[in-house]
């Protein structure tokens, strides 16, 4: 994969910061279940913004599936949601099947959720602690940032949960 530029804090399009509260949001996933950040209190949350047409997202998806979702999905203190920016369920569900990933996805066709986090740039990933505080965020896909995100998840899951 060609080198990607990634950013954790210096991206001017980013509306969030590590150490602050994650914006509150609610989405309906592709299975019709409601997911709200508020209902995930006490859990480590991984949030990923992506799109089917996004090249870097296509590099990141297999790693999200194998290295994060498959590793932590059975942990009761872990939850993950991937929100497709500017796309509908009709677009993302077939893509999920053909790309062989199984983590929960939701559509955000009007950017109503994405807009709380940024003006532009995907993929975007976040790790949030059980109190709703952002522990890690990045835009773009870089192997080093992805590895850092995995370390943050591991560290957060080792802390006592409420």
N, C-alpha and C. Protein backbone atom coordinates (compact mmCIF):
# COMPACT_ATOMS: atom_id res chain seq x y z
N UNK A 1 0.84 -1.18 0.00
CA UNK A 1 0.00 0.00 0.00
C UNK A 1 0.88 1.25 0.00
N UNK A 2 0.53 2.27 -0.78
CA UNK A 2 1.31 3.50 -0.77
C UNK A 2 1.22 4.18 0.59
N UNK A 3 2.21 4.97 0.89
CA UNK A 3 2.21 5.69 2.17
C UNK A 3 1.01 6.62 2.24
N UNK A 4 0.39 6.65 3.37
CA UNK A 4 -0.75 7.53 3.61
C UNK A 4 -0.36 8.56 4.65
N UNK A 5 -0.91 9.74 4.51
CA UNK A 5 -0.69 10.70 5.58
C UNK A 5 -1.82 10.52 6.57
N UNK A 6 -1.48 10.44 7.82
CA UNK A 6 -2.47 10.26 8.87
C UNK A 6 -2.29 11.37 9.89
N UNK A 7 -3.35 11.60 10.62
CA UNK A 7 -3.31 12.65 11.61
C UNK A 7 -4.10 12.22 12.83
N UNK A 8 -3.64 12.60 13.98
CA UNK A 8 -4.40 12.31 15.18
C UNK A 8 -4.97 13.58 15.79
N UNK A 9 -4.27 14.68 15.72
CA UNK A 9 -4.74 15.90 16.37
C UNK A 9 -4.68 17.14 15.48
N UNK A 10 -3.83 17.16 14.48
CA UNK A 10 -3.57 18.41 13.77
C UNK A 10 -4.50 18.66 12.58
N UNK A 11 -5.39 17.75 12.28
CA UNK A 11 -6.28 17.88 11.14
C UNK A 11 -7.32 18.98 11.42
N UNK A 12 -7.34 20.06 10.61
CA UNK A 12 -8.27 21.16 10.88
C UNK A 12 -9.74 20.77 10.67
N UNK A 13 -10.02 19.69 9.96
CA UNK A 13 -11.40 19.27 9.73
C UNK A 13 -11.98 18.51 10.92
N UNK A 14 -11.14 18.17 11.89
CA UNK A 14 -11.57 17.38 13.05
C UNK A 14 -12.21 18.28 14.10
N UNK A 15 -13.37 17.85 14.60
CA UNK A 15 -14.11 18.62 15.61
C UNK A 15 -13.99 18.03 17.01
N UNK A 16 -13.18 16.99 17.16
CA UNK A 16 -13.03 16.33 18.46
C UNK A 16 -11.57 16.34 18.87
N UNK A 17 -11.33 16.08 20.16
CA UNK A 17 -9.96 16.02 20.67
C UNK A 17 -9.84 14.89 21.67
N UNK A 18 -8.67 14.25 21.68
CA UNK A 18 -8.38 13.24 22.68
C UNK A 18 -8.48 13.89 24.05
N UNK A 19 -9.10 13.18 24.99
CA UNK A 19 -9.25 13.69 26.35
C UNK A 19 -10.58 14.37 26.59
N UNK A 20 -11.36 14.62 25.53
CA UNK A 20 -12.67 15.25 25.69
C UNK A 20 -13.77 14.20 25.54
N UNK A 21 -14.98 14.60 25.88
CA UNK A 21 -16.11 13.69 25.75
C UNK A 21 -16.45 13.49 24.27
N UNK A 22 -16.77 12.26 23.94
CA UNK A 22 -17.22 11.91 22.59
C UNK A 22 -18.60 12.54 22.38
N UNK A 23 -18.86 13.13 21.22
CA UNK A 23 -20.20 13.66 20.96
C UNK A 23 -21.26 12.55 21.10
N UNK A 24 -22.38 12.90 21.69
CA UNK A 24 -23.48 11.94 21.83
C UNK A 24 -24.13 11.72 20.46
N UNK A 25 -24.43 10.47 20.16
CA UNK A 25 -25.10 10.16 18.90
C UNK A 25 -25.87 8.86 19.03
N UNK A 26 -26.83 8.69 18.14
CA UNK A 26 -27.61 7.46 18.05
C UNK A 26 -27.75 7.13 16.58
N UNK A 27 -27.51 5.87 16.22
CA UNK A 27 -27.70 5.40 14.84
C UNK A 27 -28.48 4.09 14.89
N UNK A 28 -29.04 3.73 13.75
CA UNK A 28 -29.68 2.43 13.60
C UNK A 28 -28.80 1.60 12.70
N UNK A 29 -28.37 0.43 13.20
CA UNK A 29 -27.45 -0.38 12.40
C UNK A 29 -28.20 -1.11 11.27
N UNK A 30 -27.45 -1.81 10.45
CA UNK A 30 -28.04 -2.46 9.27
C UNK A 30 -28.97 -3.62 9.64
N UNK A 31 -28.94 -4.05 10.91
CA UNK A 31 -29.86 -5.08 11.38
C UNK A 31 -31.10 -4.48 12.04
N UNK A 32 -31.20 -3.14 12.03
CA UNK A 32 -32.35 -2.46 12.61
C UNK A 32 -32.25 -2.20 14.10
N UNK A 33 -31.07 -2.45 14.71
CA UNK A 33 -30.88 -2.21 16.13
C UNK A 33 -30.37 -0.81 16.37
N UNK A 34 -30.85 -0.19 17.44
CA UNK A 34 -30.40 1.15 17.81
C UNK A 34 -29.10 1.07 18.59
N UNK A 35 -28.18 1.93 18.22
CA UNK A 35 -26.88 2.03 18.89
C UNK A 35 -26.73 3.48 19.33
N UNK A 36 -26.60 3.71 20.62
CA UNK A 36 -26.32 5.06 21.11
C UNK A 36 -25.08 5.00 21.99
N UNK A 37 -24.29 6.04 21.90
CA UNK A 37 -23.10 6.10 22.73
C UNK A 37 -23.48 6.05 24.20
N UNK A 38 -24.54 6.75 24.57
CA UNK A 38 -24.97 6.81 25.97
C UNK A 38 -25.26 5.42 26.53
N UNK A 39 -25.85 4.55 25.72
CA UNK A 39 -26.19 3.20 26.20
C UNK A 39 -24.96 2.30 26.34
N UNK A 40 -23.80 2.77 25.91
CA UNK A 40 -22.58 1.97 25.97
C UNK A 40 -21.69 2.34 27.15
N UNK A 41 -22.20 3.13 28.07
CA UNK A 41 -21.41 3.53 29.24
C UNK A 41 -20.81 2.31 29.92
N UNK A 42 -19.58 2.44 30.35
CA UNK A 42 -18.89 1.35 31.01
C UNK A 42 -18.13 0.45 30.05
N UNK A 43 -18.33 0.64 28.75
CA UNK A 43 -17.67 -0.19 27.75
C UNK A 43 -16.64 0.61 26.97
N UNK A 44 -15.66 -0.09 26.45
CA UNK A 44 -14.71 0.52 25.52
C UNK A 44 -15.39 0.47 24.15
N UNK A 45 -15.48 1.63 23.50
CA UNK A 45 -16.15 1.73 22.21
C UNK A 45 -15.13 2.05 21.13
N UNK A 46 -15.19 1.30 20.03
CA UNK A 46 -14.43 1.63 18.83
C UNK A 46 -15.44 2.09 17.80
N UNK A 47 -15.22 3.30 17.30
CA UNK A 47 -16.09 3.88 16.29
C UNK A 47 -15.25 4.15 15.05
N UNK A 48 -15.77 3.75 13.91
CA UNK A 48 -15.05 3.94 12.64
C UNK A 48 -16.00 4.54 11.62
N UNK A 49 -15.58 5.62 10.98
CA UNK A 49 -16.31 6.20 9.86
C UNK A 49 -15.62 5.76 8.58
N UNK A 50 -16.40 5.34 7.59
CA UNK A 50 -15.86 4.74 6.38
C UNK A 50 -16.84 4.95 5.22
N UNK A 51 -16.47 4.45 4.04
CA UNK A 51 -17.36 4.42 2.88
C UNK A 51 -16.90 3.32 1.93
N UNK A 52 -17.82 2.80 1.16
CA UNK A 52 -17.51 1.71 0.24
C UNK A 52 -16.54 2.14 -0.85
N UNK A 53 -16.54 3.40 -1.22
CA UNK A 53 -15.71 3.92 -2.31
C UNK A 53 -14.34 4.40 -1.83
N UNK A 54 -14.10 4.36 -0.53
CA UNK A 54 -12.88 4.92 0.08
C UNK A 54 -11.73 3.90 -0.01
N UNK A 55 -10.68 4.24 -0.77
CA UNK A 55 -9.53 3.35 -0.93
C UNK A 55 -8.86 2.98 0.38
N UNK A 56 -8.47 3.97 1.21
CA UNK A 56 -7.83 3.62 2.49
C UNK A 56 -8.74 2.78 3.39
N UNK A 57 -10.05 3.01 3.31
CA UNK A 57 -10.99 2.22 4.11
C UNK A 57 -10.89 0.74 3.73
N UNK A 58 -10.73 0.49 2.44
CA UNK A 58 -10.66 -0.90 1.97
C UNK A 58 -9.41 -1.61 2.49
N UNK A 59 -8.34 -0.86 2.76
CA UNK A 59 -7.15 -1.44 3.38
C UNK A 59 -7.38 -1.69 4.87
N UNK A 60 -8.14 -0.80 5.49
CA UNK A 60 -8.35 -0.88 6.93
C UNK A 60 -9.38 -1.95 7.32
N UNK A 61 -10.41 -2.15 6.52
CA UNK A 61 -11.51 -3.05 6.86
C UNK A 61 -11.04 -4.46 7.25
N UNK A 62 -10.18 -5.11 6.47
CA UNK A 62 -9.75 -6.46 6.88
C UNK A 62 -9.03 -6.47 8.23
N UNK A 63 -8.28 -5.42 8.52
CA UNK A 63 -7.59 -5.34 9.81
C UNK A 63 -8.57 -5.09 10.94
N UNK A 64 -9.57 -4.24 10.70
CA UNK A 64 -10.60 -4.03 11.71
C UNK A 64 -11.30 -5.34 12.04
N UNK A 65 -11.62 -6.10 10.99
CA UNK A 65 -12.30 -7.39 11.18
C UNK A 65 -11.43 -8.37 11.95
N UNK A 66 -10.23 -8.59 11.47
CA UNK A 66 -9.37 -9.65 12.02
C UNK A 66 -8.73 -9.26 13.35
N UNK A 67 -8.16 -8.06 13.41
CA UNK A 67 -7.34 -7.69 14.56
C UNK A 67 -8.10 -7.02 15.71
N UNK A 68 -9.29 -6.50 15.41
CA UNK A 68 -10.06 -5.85 16.47
C UNK A 68 -11.38 -6.59 16.71
N UNK A 69 -12.25 -6.67 15.72
CA UNK A 69 -13.56 -7.28 15.92
C UNK A 69 -13.45 -8.75 16.34
N UNK A 70 -12.73 -9.56 15.60
CA UNK A 70 -12.64 -10.98 15.94
C UNK A 70 -11.95 -11.19 17.29
N UNK A 71 -11.04 -10.32 17.64
CA UNK A 71 -10.32 -10.48 18.90
C UNK A 71 -11.16 -10.09 20.12
N UNK A 72 -11.97 -9.03 20.00
CA UNK A 72 -12.64 -8.48 21.17
C UNK A 72 -14.16 -8.63 21.20
N UNK A 73 -14.77 -9.12 20.12
CA UNK A 73 -16.24 -9.11 20.04
C UNK A 73 -16.91 -9.88 21.18
N UNK A 74 -16.25 -10.87 21.76
CA UNK A 74 -16.87 -11.63 22.85
C UNK A 74 -16.62 -11.01 24.22
N UNK A 75 -15.84 -9.94 24.27
CA UNK A 75 -15.58 -9.25 25.55
C UNK A 75 -16.80 -8.40 25.90
N UNK A 76 -17.43 -8.63 27.05
CA UNK A 76 -18.64 -7.86 27.40
C UNK A 76 -18.37 -6.37 27.62
N UNK A 77 -17.11 -5.99 27.75
CA UNK A 77 -16.75 -4.58 27.96
C UNK A 77 -16.32 -3.89 26.67
N UNK A 78 -16.57 -4.52 25.53
CA UNK A 78 -16.16 -3.98 24.23
C UNK A 78 -17.35 -3.90 23.30
N UNK A 79 -17.38 -2.82 22.53
CA UNK A 79 -18.40 -2.67 21.49
C UNK A 79 -17.78 -1.89 20.33
N UNK A 80 -18.26 -2.18 19.13
CA UNK A 80 -17.72 -1.52 17.93
C UNK A 80 -18.87 -1.16 17.00
N UNK A 81 -18.71 -0.02 16.31
CA UNK A 81 -19.69 0.40 15.31
C UNK A 81 -18.93 1.11 14.19
N UNK A 82 -19.27 0.75 12.96
CA UNK A 82 -18.70 1.41 11.78
C UNK A 82 -19.83 2.12 11.04
N UNK A 83 -19.68 3.41 10.86
CA UNK A 83 -20.73 4.23 10.26
C UNK A 83 -20.28 4.70 8.88
N UNK A 84 -21.09 4.37 7.89
CA UNK A 84 -20.77 4.70 6.50
C UNK A 84 -21.26 6.11 6.18
N UNK A 85 -20.32 6.98 5.89
CA UNK A 85 -20.62 8.38 5.59
C UNK A 85 -21.23 8.50 4.20
N UNK A 86 -22.35 9.21 4.13
CA UNK A 86 -23.04 9.52 2.86
C UNK A 86 -23.48 8.29 2.10
N UNK A 87 -23.79 7.21 2.82
CA UNK A 87 -24.23 6.00 2.14
C UNK A 87 -25.47 5.43 2.82
N UNK A 88 -26.19 4.58 2.08
CA UNK A 88 -27.42 3.96 2.58
C UNK A 88 -27.17 2.49 2.87
N UNK A 89 -28.11 1.89 3.59
CA UNK A 89 -28.02 0.45 3.85
C UNK A 89 -27.99 -0.35 2.55
N UNK A 90 -28.70 0.12 1.53
CA UNK A 90 -28.72 -0.59 0.24
C UNK A 90 -27.33 -0.64 -0.39
N UNK A 91 -26.50 0.31 -0.08
CA UNK A 91 -25.13 0.34 -0.60
C UNK A 91 -24.16 -0.45 0.28
N UNK A 92 -24.32 -0.33 1.59
CA UNK A 92 -23.30 -0.89 2.48
C UNK A 92 -23.49 -2.36 2.81
N UNK A 93 -24.73 -2.84 2.88
CA UNK A 93 -24.96 -4.24 3.24
C UNK A 93 -24.37 -5.20 2.20
N UNK A 94 -24.62 -5.01 0.89
CA UNK A 94 -23.98 -5.89 -0.09
C UNK A 94 -22.44 -5.79 -0.06
N UNK A 95 -21.92 -4.59 0.18
CA UNK A 95 -20.48 -4.40 0.27
C UNK A 95 -19.91 -5.19 1.46
N UNK A 96 -20.61 -5.15 2.58
CA UNK A 96 -20.15 -5.89 3.76
C UNK A 96 -20.08 -7.39 3.45
N UNK A 97 -21.10 -7.90 2.79
CA UNK A 97 -21.10 -9.34 2.46
C UNK A 97 -19.98 -9.69 1.49
N UNK A 98 -19.81 -8.89 0.46
CA UNK A 98 -18.78 -9.20 -0.55
C UNK A 98 -17.36 -8.99 -0.02
N UNK A 99 -17.22 -8.14 0.98
CA UNK A 99 -15.90 -7.86 1.56
C UNK A 99 -15.59 -8.74 2.77
N UNK A 100 -16.54 -9.56 3.16
CA UNK A 100 -16.33 -10.56 4.22
C UNK A 100 -15.92 -9.96 5.56
N UNK A 101 -16.68 -8.96 6.01
CA UNK A 101 -16.47 -8.49 7.37
C UNK A 101 -17.81 -8.53 8.10
N UNK A 102 -17.74 -8.70 9.42
CA UNK A 102 -18.96 -8.99 10.17
C UNK A 102 -19.27 -8.02 11.30
N UNK A 103 -18.43 -7.02 11.51
CA UNK A 103 -18.73 -6.10 12.60
C UNK A 103 -19.94 -5.22 12.25
N UNK A 104 -20.60 -4.67 13.26
CA UNK A 104 -21.82 -3.89 13.03
C UNK A 104 -21.56 -2.63 12.21
N UNK A 105 -22.49 -2.36 11.30
CA UNK A 105 -22.39 -1.18 10.45
C UNK A 105 -23.71 -0.42 10.47
N UNK A 106 -23.61 0.87 10.22
CA UNK A 106 -24.79 1.74 10.12
C UNK A 106 -24.55 2.73 9.00
N UNK A 107 -25.62 3.22 8.43
CA UNK A 107 -25.49 4.22 7.37
C UNK A 107 -25.74 5.62 7.93
N UNK A 108 -25.13 6.59 7.29
CA UNK A 108 -25.25 8.00 7.68
C UNK A 108 -25.36 8.81 6.38
N UNK A 109 -26.46 8.63 5.63
CA UNK A 109 -26.55 9.21 4.28
C UNK A 109 -26.48 10.75 4.24
N UNK A 110 -26.88 11.41 5.32
CA UNK A 110 -26.88 12.88 5.33
C UNK A 110 -25.76 13.47 6.19
N UNK A 111 -24.82 12.63 6.62
CA UNK A 111 -23.70 13.08 7.46
C UNK A 111 -24.15 13.63 8.81
N UNK A 112 -25.33 13.29 9.26
CA UNK A 112 -25.82 13.86 10.51
C UNK A 112 -24.99 13.42 11.71
N UNK A 113 -24.51 12.19 11.71
CA UNK A 113 -23.62 11.74 12.79
C UNK A 113 -22.18 12.16 12.50
N UNK A 114 -21.72 11.90 11.30
CA UNK A 114 -20.35 12.25 10.93
C UNK A 114 -20.05 13.72 11.20
N UNK A 115 -21.00 14.58 10.92
CA UNK A 115 -20.82 16.02 11.09
C UNK A 115 -20.52 16.44 12.52
N UNK A 116 -20.85 15.60 13.49
CA UNK A 116 -20.51 15.89 14.88
C UNK A 116 -19.01 15.74 15.14
N UNK A 117 -18.34 14.96 14.28
CA UNK A 117 -16.96 14.60 14.48
C UNK A 117 -15.99 15.36 13.57
N UNK A 118 -16.42 15.64 12.35
CA UNK A 118 -15.49 16.23 11.39
C UNK A 118 -16.22 16.84 10.21
N UNK A 119 -15.48 17.66 9.46
CA UNK A 119 -15.98 18.21 8.22
C UNK A 119 -15.66 17.31 7.04
N UNK A 120 -14.49 16.67 7.08
CA UNK A 120 -14.05 15.83 5.96
C UNK A 120 -13.04 14.81 6.44
N UNK A 121 -12.77 13.83 5.59
CA UNK A 121 -11.72 12.85 5.84
C UNK A 121 -12.21 11.54 6.42
N UNK A 122 -11.99 10.46 5.67
CA UNK A 122 -12.23 9.10 6.15
C UNK A 122 -11.12 8.22 5.63
N UNK A 123 -10.84 7.10 6.24
CA UNK A 123 -11.49 6.61 7.46
C UNK A 123 -11.10 7.46 8.67
N UNK A 124 -11.98 7.44 9.63
CA UNK A 124 -11.77 8.08 10.93
C UNK A 124 -12.06 7.04 11.98
N UNK A 125 -11.16 6.88 12.92
CA UNK A 125 -11.37 5.89 13.98
C UNK A 125 -11.19 6.53 15.34
N UNK A 126 -11.97 6.03 16.29
CA UNK A 126 -11.97 6.53 17.66
C UNK A 126 -11.98 5.36 18.63
N UNK A 127 -11.30 5.54 19.74
CA UNK A 127 -11.41 4.63 20.88
C UNK A 127 -11.90 5.49 22.04
N UNK A 128 -12.96 5.02 22.69
CA UNK A 128 -13.61 5.78 23.75
C UNK A 128 -13.68 4.92 24.99
N UNK A 129 -13.41 5.51 26.15
CA UNK A 129 -13.46 4.74 27.39
C UNK A 129 -14.88 4.63 27.92
N UNK A 130 -15.03 3.92 29.02
CA UNK A 130 -16.35 3.67 29.60
C UNK A 130 -17.07 4.89 30.10
N UNK A 131 -16.36 6.00 30.26
CA UNK A 131 -16.97 7.27 30.66
C UNK A 131 -17.29 8.16 29.47
N UNK A 132 -17.04 7.68 28.26
CA UNK A 132 -17.34 8.47 27.06
C UNK A 132 -16.23 9.40 26.64
N UNK A 133 -15.05 9.25 27.24
CA UNK A 133 -13.92 10.12 26.92
C UNK A 133 -13.12 9.52 25.76
N UNK A 134 -12.71 10.37 24.83
CA UNK A 134 -11.93 9.93 23.68
C UNK A 134 -10.50 9.63 24.13
N UNK A 135 -10.07 8.39 23.93
CA UNK A 135 -8.70 7.98 24.28
C UNK A 135 -7.77 8.06 23.08
N UNK A 136 -8.34 7.89 21.88
CA UNK A 136 -7.54 7.84 20.65
C UNK A 136 -8.43 8.25 19.49
N UNK A 137 -7.85 8.97 18.54
CA UNK A 137 -8.55 9.28 17.30
C UNK A 137 -7.54 9.44 16.19
N UNK A 138 -7.95 9.09 14.99
CA UNK A 138 -7.09 9.24 13.83
C UNK A 138 -7.94 9.43 12.59
N UNK A 139 -7.34 10.05 11.59
CA UNK A 139 -7.98 10.16 10.28
C UNK A 139 -6.99 9.64 9.26
N UNK A 140 -7.52 8.89 8.29
CA UNK A 140 -6.67 8.22 7.31
C UNK A 140 -6.33 6.83 7.81
N UNK A 141 -5.64 6.08 7.00
CA UNK A 141 -5.21 4.75 7.42
C UNK A 141 -3.70 4.67 7.30
N UNK A 142 -3.05 4.43 8.42
CA UNK A 142 -1.60 4.20 8.49
C UNK A 142 -1.39 3.01 9.40
N UNK A 143 -0.48 2.13 9.02
CA UNK A 143 -0.23 0.94 9.83
C UNK A 143 0.17 1.30 11.26
N UNK A 144 1.03 2.30 11.40
CA UNK A 144 1.47 2.70 12.74
C UNK A 144 0.34 3.20 13.61
N UNK A 145 -0.53 4.03 13.03
CA UNK A 145 -1.68 4.52 13.79
C UNK A 145 -2.62 3.38 14.16
N UNK A 146 -2.80 2.44 13.23
CA UNK A 146 -3.67 1.30 13.51
C UNK A 146 -3.11 0.49 14.67
N UNK A 147 -1.81 0.26 14.67
CA UNK A 147 -1.18 -0.47 15.77
C UNK A 147 -1.32 0.28 17.09
N UNK A 148 -1.21 1.60 17.04
CA UNK A 148 -1.40 2.42 18.24
C UNK A 148 -2.84 2.28 18.74
N UNK A 149 -3.79 2.28 17.82
CA UNK A 149 -5.19 2.12 18.20
C UNK A 149 -5.40 0.77 18.90
N UNK A 150 -4.81 -0.29 18.37
CA UNK A 150 -4.94 -1.61 18.99
C UNK A 150 -4.38 -1.59 20.42
N UNK A 151 -3.25 -0.92 20.61
CA UNK A 151 -2.66 -0.83 21.94
C UNK A 151 -3.58 -0.06 22.90
N UNK A 152 -4.21 1.00 22.41
CA UNK A 152 -5.14 1.78 23.24
C UNK A 152 -6.34 0.94 23.66
N UNK A 153 -6.86 0.15 22.73
CA UNK A 153 -8.00 -0.73 23.04
C UNK A 153 -7.59 -1.73 24.12
N UNK A 154 -6.46 -2.37 23.92
CA UNK A 154 -5.97 -3.37 24.87
C UNK A 154 -5.79 -2.76 26.26
N UNK A 155 -5.19 -1.59 26.31
CA UNK A 155 -4.95 -0.92 27.60
C UNK A 155 -6.28 -0.54 28.26
N UNK A 156 -7.20 -0.01 27.48
CA UNK A 156 -8.50 0.41 28.03
C UNK A 156 -9.29 -0.78 28.56
N UNK A 157 -9.20 -1.92 27.88
CA UNK A 157 -9.94 -3.11 28.34
C UNK A 157 -9.34 -3.71 29.60
N UNK A 158 -8.10 -3.39 29.90
CA UNK A 158 -7.47 -3.92 31.11
C UNK A 158 -7.83 -3.12 32.35
N UNK A 159 -8.40 -1.93 32.17
CA UNK A 159 -8.80 -1.11 33.31
C UNK A 159 -10.12 -1.65 33.88
N UNK A 160 -10.34 -1.44 35.19
CA UNK A 160 -11.61 -1.89 35.78
C UNK A 160 -12.79 -1.17 35.13
N UNK A 161 -13.90 -1.90 34.97
CA UNK A 161 -15.10 -1.34 34.35
C UNK A 161 -16.20 -1.21 35.37
N UNK A 162 -17.03 -0.21 35.16
CA UNK A 162 -18.14 0.06 36.10
C UNK A 162 -19.30 -0.88 35.87
